[in-house]
Amino acid sequence: MDIMNVNPTRMQMTKLKKQLVTAKRGHKMLKDKRDELMRQFIELVQENKKLRDKVEAELAACNAHFVNAGAVMSKKALDSSLMSSKQQTGVEVASKNIMSVDVPMFETVSKSEDEGDIFPYGFAFTSFELDDAVSSLGALLPDLIKLAEIEKSCELMAAEIERTRRRVNSLEHVMIPRYEDTIKYIAMKLEENDRSSRTRLMKVKDMLLEKAHHYSEKE
């Protein structure tokens, strides 16, 4: 029996009973939180799997386009074509709260609204294979950013699930049983004290009767 180091009094038992009710309520809330986190985590993992497969396929296609461009253009011409970029792309970072977990939100932001600015060269001296390569790379970037957002969210939610699981287990297997055992121990001690008190009172009563009337109630 794992009990707390407390005085076995009725006031202490009342206090522990209130704490036990609070612990059980907290245990239920944490279990509900853990279950909801798991549900949303599984949805994110499934979304992550689909997007990762898509990004890997897009990366393979993008790489193939650049290989084709390198086959029809000299390395010097290819390097000089990609030397200067007209388009600048950044990432705006925000966050949203999912079950007390702040997960990131990434969004690509281009400084130029002209879609043609993704091509950092003139079309007169380049091949259409390079155009395809640059176009596929431009289309790939938002998916890459989204994939980074989802994978970071999965990482943060997994850490929160683990923390919540430990707290649930601590309450379920340590704190709540300890409260219950301590309450039982105090109740047992109080019953023993009540029996001892009744026994002492009966003995005192017998002594008083014997002294006053020269007989014992037992007789």
N, C-alpha and C. Protein backbone atom coordinates (compact mmCIF):
# COMPACT_ATOMS: atom_id res chain seq x y z
N MET A 1 0.85 -1.19 0.00
CA MET A 1 0.00 0.00 0.00
C MET A 1 0.89 1.24 0.00
N ASP A 2 0.75 2.08 -1.02
CA ASP A 2 1.54 3.29 -1.14
C ASP A 2 0.71 4.44 -0.60
N ILE A 3 1.08 4.95 0.60
CA ILE A 3 0.29 5.99 1.24
C ILE A 3 1.14 7.24 1.43
N MET A 4 0.45 8.36 1.57
CA MET A 4 1.13 9.63 1.79
C MET A 4 1.46 9.81 3.27
N ASN A 5 2.45 10.63 3.53
CA ASN A 5 2.85 10.91 4.91
C ASN A 5 1.97 12.04 5.46
N VAL A 6 0.77 11.67 5.94
CA VAL A 6 -0.18 12.65 6.44
C VAL A 6 -0.72 12.18 7.79
N ASN A 7 -1.29 13.11 8.52
CA ASN A 7 -1.93 12.77 9.80
C ASN A 7 -3.29 12.12 9.53
N PRO A 8 -3.59 10.98 10.14
CA PRO A 8 -4.86 10.29 9.88
C PRO A 8 -6.03 10.94 10.61
N THR A 9 -6.46 12.10 10.13
CA THR A 9 -7.58 12.83 10.74
C THR A 9 -8.73 12.93 9.75
N ARG A 10 -9.90 13.21 10.28
CA ARG A 10 -11.08 13.35 9.41
C ARG A 10 -10.93 14.56 8.48
N MET A 11 -10.35 15.62 8.98
CA MET A 11 -10.14 16.80 8.14
C MET A 11 -9.21 16.47 6.97
N GLN A 12 -8.15 15.71 7.26
CA GLN A 12 -7.21 15.33 6.21
C GLN A 12 -7.88 14.40 5.20
N MET A 13 -8.72 13.49 5.69
CA MET A 13 -9.41 12.58 4.78
C MET A 13 -10.37 13.34 3.87
N THR A 14 -11.06 14.33 4.41
CA THR A 14 -11.96 15.15 3.59
C THR A 14 -11.18 15.90 2.52
N LYS A 15 -10.02 16.43 2.91
CA LYS A 15 -9.17 17.15 1.96
C LYS A 15 -8.69 16.21 0.86
N LEU A 16 -8.27 15.01 1.22
CA LEU A 16 -7.77 14.05 0.22
C LEU A 16 -8.89 13.59 -0.71
N LYS A 17 -10.10 13.46 -0.19
CA LYS A 17 -11.22 13.06 -1.04
C LYS A 17 -11.49 14.11 -2.11
N LYS A 18 -11.40 15.38 -1.72
CA LYS A 18 -11.58 16.47 -2.70
C LYS A 18 -10.47 16.43 -3.75
N GLN A 19 -9.23 16.19 -3.29
CA GLN A 19 -8.10 16.12 -4.22
C GLN A 19 -8.24 14.92 -5.15
N LEU A 20 -8.79 13.82 -4.64
CA LEU A 20 -9.01 12.64 -5.48
C LEU A 20 -10.03 12.93 -6.58
N VAL A 21 -11.10 13.64 -6.22
CA VAL A 21 -12.11 14.01 -7.22
C VAL A 21 -11.48 14.88 -8.30
N THR A 22 -10.64 15.84 -7.88
CA THR A 22 -9.96 16.72 -8.84
C THR A 22 -9.01 15.92 -9.74
N ALA A 23 -8.28 14.98 -9.12
CA ALA A 23 -7.34 14.16 -9.89
C ALA A 23 -8.08 13.31 -10.93
N LYS A 24 -9.21 12.75 -10.55
CA LYS A 24 -9.98 11.92 -11.49
C LYS A 24 -10.55 12.78 -12.62
N ARG A 25 -10.99 13.99 -12.29
CA ARG A 25 -11.50 14.89 -13.33
C ARG A 25 -10.37 15.28 -14.29
N GLY A 26 -9.21 15.60 -13.72
CA GLY A 26 -8.06 15.94 -14.56
C GLY A 26 -7.62 14.77 -15.42
N HIS A 27 -7.68 13.56 -14.87
CA HIS A 27 -7.32 12.36 -15.63
C HIS A 27 -8.22 12.18 -16.83
N LYS A 28 -9.53 12.39 -16.63
CA LYS A 28 -10.47 12.24 -17.74
C LYS A 28 -10.22 13.31 -18.81
N MET A 29 -9.98 14.56 -18.38
CA MET A 29 -9.72 15.63 -19.34
C MET A 29 -8.45 15.36 -20.13
N LEU A 30 -7.42 14.88 -19.47
CA LEU A 30 -6.16 14.59 -20.16
C LEU A 30 -6.32 13.42 -21.12
N LYS A 31 -7.10 12.42 -20.73
CA LYS A 31 -7.35 11.29 -21.64
C LYS A 31 -8.10 11.77 -22.89
N ASP A 32 -9.09 12.63 -22.69
CA ASP A 32 -9.83 13.17 -23.83
C ASP A 32 -8.90 14.00 -24.73
N LYS A 33 -8.03 14.78 -24.10
CA LYS A 33 -7.07 15.58 -24.87
C LYS A 33 -6.13 14.67 -25.65
N ARG A 34 -5.63 13.62 -25.00
CA ARG A 34 -4.71 12.69 -25.67
C ARG A 34 -5.39 12.02 -26.86
N ASP A 35 -6.64 11.60 -26.68
CA ASP A 35 -7.36 10.92 -27.76
C ASP A 35 -7.59 11.86 -28.94
N GLU A 36 -7.96 13.13 -28.64
CA GLU A 36 -8.19 14.09 -29.72
C GLU A 36 -6.87 14.43 -30.43
N LEU A 37 -5.80 14.57 -29.64
CA LEU A 37 -4.49 14.81 -30.25
C LEU A 37 -4.10 13.66 -31.18
N MET A 38 -4.35 12.44 -30.73
CA MET A 38 -4.03 11.27 -31.55
C MET A 38 -4.82 11.28 -32.85
N ARG A 39 -6.11 11.65 -32.75
CA ARG A 39 -6.96 11.67 -33.95
C ARG A 39 -6.43 12.69 -34.96
N GLN A 40 -6.14 13.89 -34.47
CA GLN A 40 -5.65 14.92 -35.38
C GLN A 40 -4.22 14.61 -35.87
N PHE A 41 -3.42 13.97 -35.02
CA PHE A 41 -2.07 13.58 -35.42
C PHE A 41 -2.12 12.57 -36.55
N ILE A 42 -3.02 11.59 -36.45
CA ILE A 42 -3.14 10.57 -37.49
C ILE A 42 -3.57 11.21 -38.81
N GLU A 43 -4.49 12.18 -38.74
CA GLU A 43 -4.91 12.88 -39.96
C GLU A 43 -3.73 13.62 -40.59
N LEU A 44 -2.91 14.27 -39.75
CA LEU A 44 -1.75 14.98 -40.26
C LEU A 44 -0.74 14.02 -40.89
N VAL A 45 -0.54 12.88 -40.25
CA VAL A 45 0.41 11.89 -40.77
C VAL A 45 -0.04 11.38 -42.13
N GLN A 46 -1.35 11.14 -42.26
CA GLN A 46 -1.87 10.68 -43.54
C GLN A 46 -1.70 11.75 -44.62
N GLU A 47 -1.98 13.02 -44.25
CA GLU A 47 -1.78 14.12 -45.19
C GLU A 47 -0.31 14.26 -45.55
N ASN A 48 0.56 14.09 -44.56
CA ASN A 48 2.00 14.18 -44.78
C ASN A 48 2.47 13.10 -45.76
N LYS A 49 1.94 11.90 -45.61
CA LYS A 49 2.34 10.79 -46.49
C LYS A 49 1.96 11.09 -47.94
N LYS A 50 0.73 11.57 -48.14
CA LYS A 50 0.29 11.89 -49.50
C LYS A 50 1.13 13.01 -50.11
N LEU A 51 1.36 14.06 -49.31
CA LEU A 51 2.12 15.20 -49.84
C LEU A 51 3.57 14.83 -50.09
N ARG A 52 4.16 14.02 -49.22
CA ARG A 52 5.55 13.60 -49.42
C ARG A 52 5.67 12.79 -50.71
N ASP A 53 4.74 11.88 -50.96
CA ASP A 53 4.77 11.11 -52.20
C ASP A 53 4.67 12.03 -53.41
N LYS A 54 3.80 13.04 -53.30
CA LYS A 54 3.64 13.99 -54.40
C LYS A 54 4.92 14.79 -54.62
N VAL A 55 5.53 15.28 -53.52
CA VAL A 55 6.75 16.08 -53.62
C VAL A 55 7.90 15.25 -54.19
N GLU A 56 8.02 14.01 -53.77
CA GLU A 56 9.09 13.16 -54.29
C GLU A 56 8.93 12.93 -55.79
N ALA A 57 7.67 12.74 -56.22
CA ALA A 57 7.42 12.58 -57.65
C ALA A 57 7.75 13.87 -58.41
N GLU A 58 7.37 15.02 -57.83
CA GLU A 58 7.67 16.30 -58.47
C GLU A 58 9.17 16.56 -58.51
N LEU A 59 9.89 16.18 -57.46
CA LEU A 59 11.34 16.34 -57.44
C LEU A 59 12.00 15.50 -58.52
N ALA A 60 11.51 14.28 -58.68
CA ALA A 60 12.06 13.41 -59.70
C ALA A 60 11.82 14.00 -61.10
N ALA A 61 10.61 14.51 -61.32
CA ALA A 61 10.29 15.12 -62.62
C ALA A 61 11.13 16.37 -62.84
N CYS A 62 11.29 17.19 -61.79
CA CYS A 62 12.09 18.42 -61.90
C CYS A 62 13.54 18.07 -62.22
N ASN A 63 14.06 17.08 -61.56
CA ASN A 63 15.44 16.66 -61.81
C ASN A 63 15.61 16.17 -63.25
N ALA A 64 14.60 15.42 -63.73
CA ALA A 64 14.66 14.92 -65.10
C ALA A 64 14.67 16.07 -66.11
N HIS A 65 13.89 17.13 -65.82
CA HIS A 65 13.86 18.29 -66.72
C HIS A 65 15.23 18.98 -66.76
N PHE A 66 15.87 19.10 -65.61
CA PHE A 66 17.19 19.74 -65.58
C PHE A 66 18.25 18.87 -66.27
N VAL A 67 18.10 17.56 -66.15
CA VAL A 67 19.02 16.67 -66.87
C VAL A 67 18.85 16.85 -68.38
N ASN A 68 17.59 16.95 -68.83
CA ASN A 68 17.33 17.16 -70.26
C ASN A 68 17.89 18.51 -70.72
N ALA A 69 17.71 19.53 -69.86
CA ALA A 69 18.23 20.86 -70.22
C ALA A 69 19.75 20.83 -70.31
N GLY A 70 20.39 20.10 -69.40
CA GLY A 70 21.84 19.98 -69.43
C GLY A 70 22.33 19.20 -70.63
N ALA A 71 21.48 18.34 -71.17
CA ALA A 71 21.88 17.55 -72.34
C ALA A 71 21.88 18.36 -73.62
N VAL A 72 21.02 19.38 -73.70
CA VAL A 72 20.92 20.16 -74.94
C VAL A 72 21.62 21.52 -74.84
N MET A 73 22.02 21.89 -73.63
CA MET A 73 22.73 23.17 -73.44
C MET A 73 24.08 22.91 -72.80
N SER A 74 25.03 23.77 -73.12
CA SER A 74 26.34 23.63 -72.49
C SER A 74 26.24 24.04 -71.03
N LYS A 75 27.17 23.55 -70.21
CA LYS A 75 27.16 23.89 -68.79
C LYS A 75 27.33 25.40 -68.58
N LYS A 76 28.17 26.00 -69.39
CA LYS A 76 28.39 27.44 -69.27
C LYS A 76 27.11 28.21 -69.58
N ALA A 77 26.42 27.82 -70.64
CA ALA A 77 25.17 28.50 -71.01
C ALA A 77 24.10 28.28 -69.95
N LEU A 78 24.06 27.06 -69.39
CA LEU A 78 23.06 26.75 -68.36
C LEU A 78 23.32 27.56 -67.10
N ASP A 79 24.59 27.61 -66.70
CA ASP A 79 24.94 28.36 -65.48
C ASP A 79 24.66 29.84 -65.64
N SER A 80 25.02 30.39 -66.79
CA SER A 80 24.81 31.83 -67.00
C SER A 80 23.32 32.16 -67.08
N SER A 81 22.51 31.22 -67.58
CA SER A 81 21.07 31.46 -67.67
C SER A 81 20.42 31.54 -66.29
N LEU A 82 20.98 30.79 -65.36
CA LEU A 82 20.39 30.74 -64.02
C LEU A 82 21.13 31.62 -63.02
N MET A 83 22.03 32.44 -63.52
CA MET A 83 22.90 33.23 -62.64
C MET A 83 22.12 34.29 -61.87
N SER A 84 21.25 35.01 -62.54
CA SER A 84 20.54 36.14 -61.92
C SER A 84 19.05 35.86 -61.89
N SER A 85 18.47 36.02 -60.73
CA SER A 85 17.03 35.76 -60.57
C SER A 85 16.25 37.07 -60.57
N LYS A 86 15.15 37.11 -61.30
CA LYS A 86 14.29 38.28 -61.30
C LYS A 86 13.20 38.18 -60.23
N GLN A 87 12.93 36.95 -59.83
CA GLN A 87 11.87 36.73 -58.85
C GLN A 87 12.47 36.41 -57.49
N GLN A 88 11.95 37.04 -56.45
CA GLN A 88 12.37 36.75 -55.08
C GLN A 88 11.18 36.20 -54.30
N THR A 89 11.39 35.08 -53.66
CA THR A 89 10.32 34.42 -52.92
C THR A 89 10.72 34.27 -51.45
N GLY A 90 9.83 34.64 -50.57
CA GLY A 90 10.06 34.50 -49.13
C GLY A 90 8.99 33.63 -48.49
N VAL A 91 9.13 33.45 -47.22
CA VAL A 91 8.17 32.63 -46.46
C VAL A 91 7.65 33.43 -45.29
N GLU A 92 6.34 33.56 -45.20
CA GLU A 92 5.72 34.19 -44.04
C GLU A 92 5.38 33.10 -43.02
N VAL A 93 5.72 33.35 -41.76
CA VAL A 93 5.53 32.36 -40.71
C VAL A 93 4.48 32.85 -39.72
N ALA A 94 3.49 32.03 -39.49
CA ALA A 94 2.47 32.30 -38.46
C ALA A 94 2.28 31.01 -37.66
N SER A 95 1.29 31.00 -36.81
CA SER A 95 1.04 29.78 -36.02
C SER A 95 -0.44 29.66 -35.72
N LYS A 96 -0.86 28.45 -35.44
CA LYS A 96 -2.23 28.19 -35.00
C LYS A 96 -2.18 27.19 -33.85
N ASN A 97 -3.21 27.22 -33.03
CA ASN A 97 -3.25 26.38 -31.83
C ASN A 97 -4.12 25.17 -32.07
N ILE A 98 -3.54 24.00 -31.90
CA ILE A 98 -4.29 22.74 -31.99
C ILE A 98 -4.17 22.03 -30.65
N MET A 99 -5.24 22.04 -29.86
CA MET A 99 -5.24 21.35 -28.56
C MET A 99 -4.05 21.77 -27.71
N SER A 100 -3.87 23.09 -27.58
CA SER A 100 -2.81 23.71 -26.77
C SER A 100 -1.41 23.55 -27.37
N VAL A 101 -1.33 23.11 -28.63
CA VAL A 101 -0.04 22.99 -29.31
C VAL A 101 0.03 24.06 -30.39
N ASP A 102 1.02 24.93 -30.31
CA ASP A 102 1.21 25.96 -31.34
C ASP A 102 2.00 25.36 -32.50
N VAL A 103 1.30 25.14 -33.61
CA VAL A 103 1.94 24.56 -34.79
C VAL A 103 2.16 25.66 -35.82
N PRO A 104 3.21 25.55 -36.64
CA PRO A 104 3.54 26.63 -37.58
C PRO A 104 2.63 26.63 -38.81
N MET A 105 2.55 27.79 -39.41
CA MET A 105 1.86 27.97 -40.70
C MET A 105 2.81 28.73 -41.61
N PHE A 106 3.23 28.09 -42.70
CA PHE A 106 4.15 28.70 -43.66
C PHE A 106 3.40 29.07 -44.93
N GLU A 107 3.74 30.22 -45.46
CA GLU A 107 3.12 30.65 -46.72
C GLU A 107 4.18 31.33 -47.58
N THR A 108 4.27 30.89 -48.83
CA THR A 108 5.24 31.49 -49.76
C THR A 108 4.72 32.83 -50.25
N VAL A 109 5.61 33.79 -50.30
CA VAL A 109 5.25 35.14 -50.75
C VAL A 109 6.25 35.58 -51.81
N SER A 110 5.75 35.92 -52.99
CA SER A 110 6.60 36.39 -54.08
C SER A 110 6.55 37.90 -54.16
N LYS A 111 7.71 38.52 -54.38
CA LYS A 111 7.76 39.98 -54.44
C LYS A 111 7.20 40.51 -55.75
N SER A 112 7.19 39.67 -56.77
CA SER A 112 6.65 40.10 -58.06
C SER A 112 5.41 39.27 -58.37
N GLU A 113 4.38 39.93 -58.87
CA GLU A 113 3.14 39.22 -59.22
C GLU A 113 3.18 38.65 -60.63
N ASP A 114 4.18 39.01 -61.38
CA ASP A 114 4.32 38.51 -62.75
C ASP A 114 4.87 37.09 -62.71
N GLU A 115 4.07 36.12 -63.16
CA GLU A 115 4.49 34.73 -63.13
C GLU A 115 5.70 34.48 -64.02
N GLY A 116 5.88 35.30 -65.04
CA GLY A 116 7.00 35.13 -65.95
C GLY A 116 8.34 35.47 -65.32
N ASP A 117 8.32 36.13 -64.16
CA ASP A 117 9.58 36.51 -63.51
C ASP A 117 10.31 35.31 -62.90
N ILE A 118 9.68 34.13 -62.90
CA ILE A 118 10.41 32.96 -62.38
C ILE A 118 11.51 32.55 -63.36
N PHE A 119 11.41 33.02 -64.61
CA PHE A 119 12.45 32.71 -65.60
C PHE A 119 13.52 33.81 -65.55
N PRO A 120 14.73 33.49 -65.09
CA PRO A 120 15.76 34.53 -64.93
C PRO A 120 16.57 34.77 -66.20
N TYR A 121 16.01 34.50 -67.35
CA TYR A 121 16.77 34.60 -68.59
C TYR A 121 15.83 34.96 -69.74
N GLY A 122 16.41 35.33 -70.85
CA GLY A 122 15.63 35.53 -72.06
C GLY A 122 15.44 34.20 -72.78
N PHE A 123 14.38 34.12 -73.57
CA PHE A 123 14.05 32.84 -74.21
C PHE A 123 14.79 32.63 -75.53
N ALA A 124 15.52 33.60 -76.00
CA ALA A 124 16.13 33.50 -77.33
C ALA A 124 17.27 32.49 -77.36
N PHE A 125 18.02 32.38 -76.27
CA PHE A 125 19.22 31.54 -76.30
C PHE A 125 19.13 30.35 -75.34
N THR A 126 17.91 29.98 -74.95
CA THR A 126 17.74 28.83 -74.05
C THR A 126 16.78 27.83 -74.68
N SER A 127 16.77 26.64 -74.13
CA SER A 127 15.92 25.57 -74.67
C SER A 127 14.61 25.48 -73.89
N PHE A 128 13.61 24.86 -74.51
CA PHE A 128 12.34 24.69 -73.82
C PHE A 128 12.48 23.70 -72.67
N GLU A 129 13.51 22.82 -72.73
CA GLU A 129 13.74 21.89 -71.61
C GLU A 129 14.08 22.66 -70.33
N LEU A 130 14.83 23.75 -70.48
CA LEU A 130 15.14 24.57 -69.31
C LEU A 130 13.89 25.29 -68.81
N ASP A 131 13.05 25.71 -69.75
CA ASP A 131 11.77 26.34 -69.34
C ASP A 131 10.94 25.36 -68.51
N ASP A 132 10.88 24.12 -68.99
CA ASP A 132 10.11 23.10 -68.24
C ASP A 132 10.72 22.86 -66.86
N ALA A 133 12.05 22.86 -66.79
CA ALA A 133 12.73 22.61 -65.52
C ALA A 133 12.42 23.73 -64.52
N VAL A 134 12.53 24.98 -64.98
CA VAL A 134 12.28 26.12 -64.09
C VAL A 134 10.80 26.17 -63.68
N SER A 135 9.91 25.88 -64.62
CA SER A 135 8.48 25.88 -64.31
C SER A 135 8.15 24.82 -63.26
N SER A 136 8.72 23.61 -63.43
CA SER A 136 8.44 22.54 -62.47
C SER A 136 9.02 22.86 -61.10
N LEU A 137 10.17 23.54 -61.09
CA LEU A 137 10.77 23.94 -59.80
C LEU A 137 9.91 25.00 -59.11
N GLY A 138 9.37 25.94 -59.90
CA GLY A 138 8.49 26.95 -59.32
C GLY A 138 7.21 26.35 -58.75
N ALA A 139 6.67 25.34 -59.46
CA ALA A 139 5.45 24.68 -58.98
C ALA A 139 5.73 23.83 -57.75
N LEU A 140 6.97 23.34 -57.62
CA LEU A 140 7.32 22.47 -56.51
C LEU A 140 7.47 23.22 -55.19
N LEU A 141 7.90 24.48 -55.24
CA LEU A 141 8.23 25.21 -54.03
C LEU A 141 7.08 25.29 -53.01
N PRO A 142 5.84 25.65 -53.40
CA PRO A 142 4.76 25.71 -52.41
C PRO A 142 4.51 24.36 -51.73
N ASP A 143 4.62 23.26 -52.49
CA ASP A 143 4.42 21.94 -51.88
C ASP A 143 5.54 21.62 -50.89
N LEU A 144 6.76 22.03 -51.21
CA LEU A 144 7.88 21.82 -50.28
C LEU A 144 7.66 22.58 -48.98
N ILE A 145 7.19 23.81 -49.09
CA ILE A 145 6.94 24.63 -47.91
C ILE A 145 5.80 24.02 -47.09
N LYS A 146 4.76 23.56 -47.76
CA LYS A 146 3.63 22.93 -47.07
C LYS A 146 4.07 21.64 -46.38
N LEU A 147 4.93 20.88 -47.03
CA LEU A 147 5.44 19.65 -46.43
C LEU A 147 6.24 19.96 -45.17
N ALA A 148 7.06 21.00 -45.23
CA ALA A 148 7.82 21.40 -44.03
C ALA A 148 6.88 21.79 -42.89
N GLU A 149 5.80 22.50 -43.23
CA GLU A 149 4.82 22.90 -42.22
C GLU A 149 4.17 21.68 -41.56
N ILE A 150 3.75 20.72 -42.37
CA ILE A 150 3.06 19.55 -41.82
C ILE A 150 4.01 18.68 -41.00
N GLU A 151 5.23 18.49 -41.49
CA GLU A 151 6.17 17.64 -40.76
C GLU A 151 6.55 18.27 -39.41
N LYS A 152 6.72 19.58 -39.37
CA LYS A 152 7.00 20.24 -38.09
C LYS A 152 5.81 20.13 -37.15
N SER A 153 4.61 20.26 -37.71
CA SER A 153 3.39 20.11 -36.89
C SER A 153 3.30 18.71 -36.31
N CYS A 154 3.61 17.72 -37.12
CA CYS A 154 3.61 16.33 -36.64
C CYS A 154 4.61 16.14 -35.51
N GLU A 155 5.78 16.74 -35.67
CA GLU A 155 6.82 16.62 -34.64
C GLU A 155 6.37 17.24 -33.32
N LEU A 156 5.77 18.44 -33.37
CA LEU A 156 5.31 19.11 -32.17
C LEU A 156 4.15 18.38 -31.51
N MET A 157 3.24 17.87 -32.33
CA MET A 157 2.08 17.15 -31.77
C MET A 157 2.50 15.82 -31.17
N ALA A 158 3.48 15.15 -31.78
CA ALA A 158 3.97 13.89 -31.23
C ALA A 158 4.59 14.12 -29.85
N ALA A 159 5.33 15.23 -29.71
CA ALA A 159 5.94 15.55 -28.41
C ALA A 159 4.87 15.85 -27.37
N GLU A 160 3.81 16.56 -27.77
CA GLU A 160 2.72 16.87 -26.83
C GLU A 160 1.94 15.61 -26.46
N ILE A 161 1.74 14.71 -27.41
CA ILE A 161 1.06 13.45 -27.12
C ILE A 161 1.86 12.64 -26.09
N GLU A 162 3.16 12.62 -26.24
CA GLU A 162 4.01 11.89 -25.30
C GLU A 162 3.94 12.51 -23.91
N ARG A 163 3.99 13.84 -23.83
CA ARG A 163 3.87 14.51 -22.54
C ARG A 163 2.52 14.22 -21.89
N THR A 164 1.46 14.30 -22.68
CA THR A 164 0.12 14.04 -22.15
C THR A 164 -0.02 12.59 -21.71
N ARG A 165 0.56 11.67 -22.48
CA ARG A 165 0.49 10.25 -22.13
C ARG A 165 1.18 9.99 -20.79
N ARG A 166 2.33 10.63 -20.57
CA ARG A 166 3.04 10.45 -19.30
C ARG A 166 2.21 10.98 -18.13
N ARG A 167 1.57 12.12 -18.34
CA ARG A 167 0.74 12.70 -17.27
C ARG A 167 -0.48 11.82 -16.97
N VAL A 168 -1.09 11.28 -18.03
CA VAL A 168 -2.23 10.37 -17.83
C VAL A 168 -1.79 9.13 -17.05
N ASN A 169 -0.66 8.55 -17.44
CA ASN A 169 -0.17 7.36 -16.75
C ASN A 169 0.20 7.66 -15.30
N SER A 170 0.79 8.83 -15.07
CA SER A 170 1.15 9.20 -13.71
C SER A 170 -0.08 9.31 -12.82
N LEU A 171 -1.13 9.96 -13.34
CA LEU A 171 -2.36 10.07 -12.57
C LEU A 171 -3.03 8.71 -12.38
N GLU A 172 -3.08 7.93 -13.45
CA GLU A 172 -3.81 6.66 -13.43
C GLU A 172 -3.13 5.60 -12.57
N HIS A 173 -1.81 5.54 -12.64
CA HIS A 173 -1.09 4.44 -11.98
C HIS A 173 -0.34 4.85 -10.72
N VAL A 174 -0.22 6.15 -10.46
CA VAL A 174 0.54 6.59 -9.28
C VAL A 174 -0.33 7.44 -8.36
N MET A 175 -0.76 8.61 -8.85
CA MET A 175 -1.41 9.57 -7.97
C MET A 175 -2.78 9.10 -7.48
N ILE A 176 -3.64 8.67 -8.40
CA ILE A 176 -5.00 8.26 -7.99
C ILE A 176 -4.95 7.06 -7.05
N PRO A 177 -4.20 5.97 -7.37
CA PRO A 177 -4.10 4.87 -6.40
C PRO A 177 -3.53 5.32 -5.05
N ARG A 178 -2.59 6.27 -5.09
CA ARG A 178 -2.00 6.73 -3.83
C ARG A 178 -3.03 7.48 -2.99
N TYR A 179 -3.82 8.32 -3.64
CA TYR A 179 -4.90 9.00 -2.92
C TYR A 179 -5.86 7.96 -2.33
N GLU A 180 -6.27 6.99 -3.13
CA GLU A 180 -7.23 5.99 -2.67
C GLU A 180 -6.67 5.17 -1.51
N ASP A 181 -5.41 4.76 -1.62
CA ASP A 181 -4.79 3.98 -0.54
C ASP A 181 -4.68 4.80 0.75
N THR A 182 -4.32 6.07 0.61
CA THR A 182 -4.20 6.92 1.79
C THR A 182 -5.54 7.14 2.46
N ILE A 183 -6.59 7.34 1.65
CA ILE A 183 -7.95 7.51 2.21
C ILE A 183 -8.38 6.25 2.94
N LYS A 184 -8.10 5.08 2.37
CA LYS A 184 -8.44 3.81 3.03
C LYS A 184 -7.67 3.67 4.34
N TYR A 185 -6.40 4.04 4.30
CA TYR A 185 -5.57 3.95 5.50
C TYR A 185 -6.11 4.85 6.61
N ILE A 186 -6.47 6.10 6.26
CA ILE A 186 -7.00 7.02 7.26
C ILE A 186 -8.33 6.51 7.81
N ALA A 187 -9.20 5.99 6.91
CA ALA A 187 -10.48 5.45 7.37
C ALA A 187 -10.27 4.29 8.34
N MET A 188 -9.30 3.43 8.05
CA MET A 188 -9.00 2.30 8.92
C MET A 188 -8.48 2.79 10.28
N LYS A 189 -7.58 3.80 10.25
CA LYS A 189 -7.05 4.35 11.50
C LYS A 189 -8.15 5.00 12.33
N LEU A 190 -9.05 5.71 11.66
CA LEU A 190 -10.15 6.36 12.38
C LEU A 190 -11.07 5.33 13.01
N GLU A 191 -11.33 4.22 12.31
CA GLU A 191 -12.14 3.15 12.88
C GLU A 191 -11.46 2.53 14.10
N GLU A 192 -10.14 2.32 14.00
CA GLU A 192 -9.39 1.79 15.13
C GLU A 192 -9.45 2.75 16.32
N ASN A 193 -9.29 4.04 16.04
CA ASN A 193 -9.36 5.03 17.12
C ASN A 193 -10.73 5.06 17.76
N ASP A 194 -11.80 4.94 16.93
CA ASP A 194 -13.16 4.91 17.47
C ASP A 194 -13.36 3.70 18.37
N ARG A 195 -12.87 2.53 17.93
CA ARG A 195 -13.02 1.33 18.76
C ARG A 195 -12.23 1.47 20.07
N SER A 196 -11.02 2.02 19.96
CA SER A 196 -10.22 2.22 21.17
C SER A 196 -10.90 3.18 22.13
N SER A 197 -11.49 4.25 21.57
CA SER A 197 -12.18 5.23 22.41
C SER A 197 -13.39 4.60 23.10
N ARG A 198 -14.17 3.78 22.38
CA ARG A 198 -15.32 3.12 22.99
C ARG A 198 -14.88 2.16 24.09
N THR A 199 -13.78 1.45 23.84
CA THR A 199 -13.28 0.51 24.85
C THR A 199 -12.84 1.25 26.11
N ARG A 200 -12.14 2.36 25.93
CA ARG A 200 -11.70 3.15 27.09
C ARG A 200 -12.89 3.70 27.86
N LEU A 201 -13.91 4.18 27.14
CA LEU A 201 -15.09 4.71 27.80
C LEU A 201 -15.82 3.65 28.60
N MET A 202 -15.89 2.45 28.02
CA MET A 202 -16.55 1.36 28.75
C MET A 202 -15.78 1.00 30.01
N LYS A 203 -14.46 1.00 29.93
CA LYS A 203 -13.65 0.69 31.10
C LYS A 203 -13.81 1.76 32.17
N VAL A 204 -13.81 3.02 31.74
CA VAL A 204 -14.01 4.11 32.70
C VAL A 204 -15.37 4.02 33.35
N LYS A 205 -16.38 3.68 32.57
CA LYS A 205 -17.73 3.55 33.09
C LYS A 205 -17.80 2.44 34.13
N ASP A 206 -17.14 1.31 33.81
CA ASP A 206 -17.12 0.20 34.77
C ASP A 206 -16.43 0.59 36.06
N MET A 207 -15.33 1.32 35.92
CA MET A 207 -14.60 1.74 37.11
C MET A 207 -15.44 2.68 37.96
N LEU A 208 -16.16 3.61 37.31
CA LEU A 208 -17.00 4.55 38.05
C LEU A 208 -18.15 3.83 38.74
N LEU A 209 -18.78 2.88 38.04
CA LEU A 209 -19.89 2.13 38.64
C LEU A 209 -19.41 1.30 39.82
N GLU A 210 -18.25 0.70 39.64
CA GLU A 210 -17.73 -0.14 40.73
C GLU A 210 -17.39 0.72 41.94
N LYS A 211 -16.83 1.90 41.68
CA LYS A 211 -16.47 2.77 42.77
C LYS A 211 -17.71 3.33 43.48
N ALA A 212 -18.75 3.65 42.71
CA ALA A 212 -19.93 4.27 43.30
C ALA A 212 -20.86 3.25 43.95
N HIS A 213 -21.01 2.09 43.36
CA HIS A 213 -22.01 1.12 43.83
C HIS A 213 -21.39 -0.22 44.18
N HIS A 214 -20.08 -0.32 44.11
CA HIS A 214 -19.36 -1.54 44.44
C HIS A 214 -19.77 -2.72 43.57
N TYR A 215 -20.09 -2.42 42.26
CA TYR A 215 -20.31 -3.51 41.31
C TYR A 215 -19.90 -3.06 39.93
N SER A 216 -19.72 -4.07 39.12
CA SER A 216 -19.36 -3.81 37.74
C SER A 216 -20.55 -4.11 36.84
N GLU A 217 -20.67 -3.32 35.78
CA GLU A 217 -21.80 -3.54 34.85
C GLU A 217 -21.69 -4.89 34.19
N LYS A 218 -20.46 -5.45 34.12
CA LYS A 218 -20.30 -6.75 33.50
C LYS A 218 -20.96 -7.84 34.31
N GLU A 219 -21.05 -7.66 35.63
CA GLU A 219 -21.67 -8.66 36.48
C GLU A 219 -23.18 -8.61 36.38
